Amino acid sequence: MISKNTRMMVALEPPIRKWITKKAKESGISLSLTIRDLLRDAYENQEDRYWSKEGENRLNALTGKASVSHKDFWGKAGI
C-alpha cells in the first residue's frame, strides 16, 4: 500500500529513544504517531515564537501618529 505521507528515518540517542518509547506506551499510540505529535508541537512552538517576535518588532516600530487609542477605536466602532 502506498502511503500519502512521506516516510523518514531518524537516528536517536538512547535516552531520547527510551523517553519516546515510554511516552508512546503511556499514550497507547505507536512510536511513529508519538514522534509526529512531538514534531507538530515543536513546529507550533517555533511558529508561536516567530509571530511573538514579529509582533514585538511591529510594536517597537509603531509611532504615535500611526496608532489609535483603545478608547478611540471602540468609540468609532460604536461599542
C-alpha atoms as a PDB file:
ATOM      1  CA  MET A   1       0.000   0.000   0.000  1.00  0.00           C
ATOM      2  CA  ILE A   2       1.346   3.413  -0.933  1.00  0.00           C
ATOM      3  CA  SER A   3       1.298   5.990   1.840  1.00  0.00           C
ATOM      4  CA  LYS A   4       0.324   9.583   1.107  1.00  0.00           C
ATOM      5  CA  ASN A   5       2.736  10.719   3.838  1.00  0.00           C
ATOM      6  CA  THR A   6       6.487  10.845   3.438  1.00  0.00           C
ATOM      7  CA  ARG A   7       8.427   8.309   5.485  1.00  0.00           C
ATOM      8  CA  MET A   8      11.576   9.442   7.228  1.00  0.00           C
ATOM      9  CA  MET A   9      14.299   7.719   9.185  1.00  0.00           C
ATOM     10  CA  VAL A  10      15.753   9.409  12.234  1.00  0.00           C
ATOM     11  CA  ALA A  11      18.725   8.369  14.360  1.00  0.00           C
ATOM     12  CA  LEU A  12      18.044   8.961  18.055  1.00  0.00           C
ATOM     13  CA  GLU A  13      20.313   8.796  21.068  1.00  0.00           C
ATOM     14  CA  PRO A  14      19.329   6.013  23.511  1.00  0.00           C
ATOM     15  CA  PRO A  15      17.889   8.372  26.200  1.00  0.00           C
ATOM     16  CA  ILE A  16      15.625  10.078  23.671  1.00  0.00           C
ATOM     17  CA  ARG A  17      14.556   6.739  22.159  1.00  0.00           C
ATOM     18  CA  LYS A  18      13.736   5.438  25.652  1.00  0.00           C
ATOM     19  CA  TRP A  19      11.740   8.576  26.506  1.00  0.00           C
ATOM     20  CA  ILE A  20       9.743   8.436  23.261  1.00  0.00           C
ATOM     21  CA  THR A  21       9.082   4.706  23.699  1.00  0.00           C
ATOM     22  CA  LYS A  22       7.817   5.314  27.244  1.00  0.00           C
ATOM     23  CA  LYS A  23       5.651   8.220  26.083  1.00  0.00           C
ATOM     24  CA  ALA A  24       4.146   6.091  23.286  1.00  0.00           C
ATOM     25  CA  LYS A  25       3.290   3.260  25.703  1.00  0.00           C
ATOM     26  CA  GLU A  26       1.717   5.669  28.186  1.00  0.00           C
ATOM     27  CA  SER A  27      -0.366   7.240  25.408  1.00  0.00           C
ATOM     28  CA  GLY A  28      -1.254   3.915  23.822  1.00  0.00           C
ATOM     29  CA  ILE A  29      -0.120   5.025  20.375  1.00  0.00           C
ATOM     30  CA  SER A  30       2.682   3.991  18.031  1.00  0.00           C
ATOM     31  CA  LEU A  31       6.195   5.395  18.046  1.00  0.00           C
ATOM     32  CA  SER A  32       5.515   6.943  14.661  1.00  0.00           C
ATOM     33  CA  LEU A  33       2.434   8.814  15.870  1.00  0.00           C
ATOM     34  CA  THR A  34       4.198   9.880  19.067  1.00  0.00           C
ATOM     35  CA  ILE A  35       7.086  11.352  17.095  1.00  0.00           C
ATOM     36  CA  ARG A  36       4.653  13.012  14.682  1.00  0.00           C
ATOM     37  CA  ASP A  37       2.808  14.632  17.596  1.00  0.00           C
ATOM     38  CA  LEU A  38       6.056  15.817  19.190  1.00  0.00           C
ATOM     39  CA  LEU A  39       7.165  17.335  15.885  1.00  0.00           C
ATOM     40  CA  ARG A  40       3.813  19.083  15.468  1.00  0.00           C
ATOM     41  CA  ASP A  41       4.182  20.581  18.948  1.00  0.00           C
ATOM     42  CA  ALA A  42       7.720  21.731  18.126  1.00  0.00           C
ATOM     43  CA  TYR A  43       6.502  23.243  14.843  1.00  0.00           C
ATOM     44  CA  GLU A  44       3.706  25.144  16.607  1.00  0.00           C
ATOM     45  CA  ASN A  45       6.136  26.399  19.251  1.00  0.00           C
ATOM     46  CA  GLN A  46       8.503  27.666  16.552  1.00  0.00           C
ATOM     47  CA  GLU A  47       5.603  29.363  14.807  1.00  0.00           C
ATOM     48  CA  ASP A  48       4.458  30.980  18.070  1.00  0.00           C
ATOM     49  CA  ARG A  49       7.984  32.264  18.750  1.00  0.00           C
ATOM     50  CA  TYR A  50       8.192  33.702  15.238  1.00  0.00           C
ATOM     51  CA  TRP A  51       4.885  35.569  15.492  1.00  0.00           C
ATOM     52  CA  SER A  52       5.669  36.757  19.001  1.00  0.00           C
ATOM     53  CA  LYS A  53       8.958  38.220  17.789  1.00  0.00           C
ATOM     54  CA  GLU A  54       7.230  39.703  14.737  1.00  0.00           C
ATOM     55  CA  GLY A  55       4.604  41.321  16.983  1.00  0.00           C
ATOM     56  CA  GLU A  56       7.312  42.772  19.236  1.00  0.00           C
ATOM     57  CA  ASN A  57       9.098  44.205  16.192  1.00  0.00           C
ATOM     58  CA  ARG A  58       5.872  45.794  14.972  1.00  0.00           C
ATOM     59  CA  LEU A  59       5.135  47.286  18.398  1.00  0.00           C
ATOM     60  CA  ASN A  60       8.652  48.700  18.626  1.00  0.00           C
ATOM     61  CA  ALA A  61       8.337  50.235  15.155  1.00  0.00           C
ATOM     62  CA  LEU A  62       4.946  51.790  15.897  1.00  0.00           C
ATOM     63  CA  THR A  63       4.888  55.574  16.100  1.00  0.00           C
ATOM     64  CA  GLY A  64       2.304  57.662  17.895  1.00  0.00           C
ATOM     65  CA  LYS A  65       0.972  59.009  14.601  1.00  0.00           C
ATOM     66  CA  ALA A  66       0.226  55.537  13.244  1.00  0.00           C
ATOM     67  CA  SER A  67      -1.611  54.300  16.314  1.00  0.00           C
ATOM     68  CA  VAL A  68      -5.198  54.655  17.502  1.00  0.00           C
ATOM     69  CA  SER A  69      -6.038  54.525  21.185  1.00  0.00           C
ATOM     70  CA  HIS A  70      -8.219  51.756  22.533  1.00  0.00           C
ATOM     71  CA  LYS A  71     -10.879  54.283  23.536  1.00  0.00           C
ATOM     72  CA  ASP A  72     -10.931  55.959  20.093  1.00  0.00           C
ATOM     73  CA  PHE A  73     -11.104  52.659  18.228  1.00  0.00           C
ATOM     74  CA  TRP A  74     -14.038  51.271  20.197  1.00  0.00           C
ATOM     75  CA  GLY A  75     -15.731  54.696  20.249  1.00  0.00           C
ATOM     76  CA  LYS A  76     -15.656  54.833  16.437  1.00  0.00           C
ATOM     77  CA  ALA A  77     -16.952  51.272  16.302  1.00  0.00           C
ATOM     78  CA  GLY A  78     -19.943  52.355  18.385  1.00  0.00           C
ATOM     79  CA  ILE A  79     -19.209  49.901  21.165  1.00  0.00           C
END
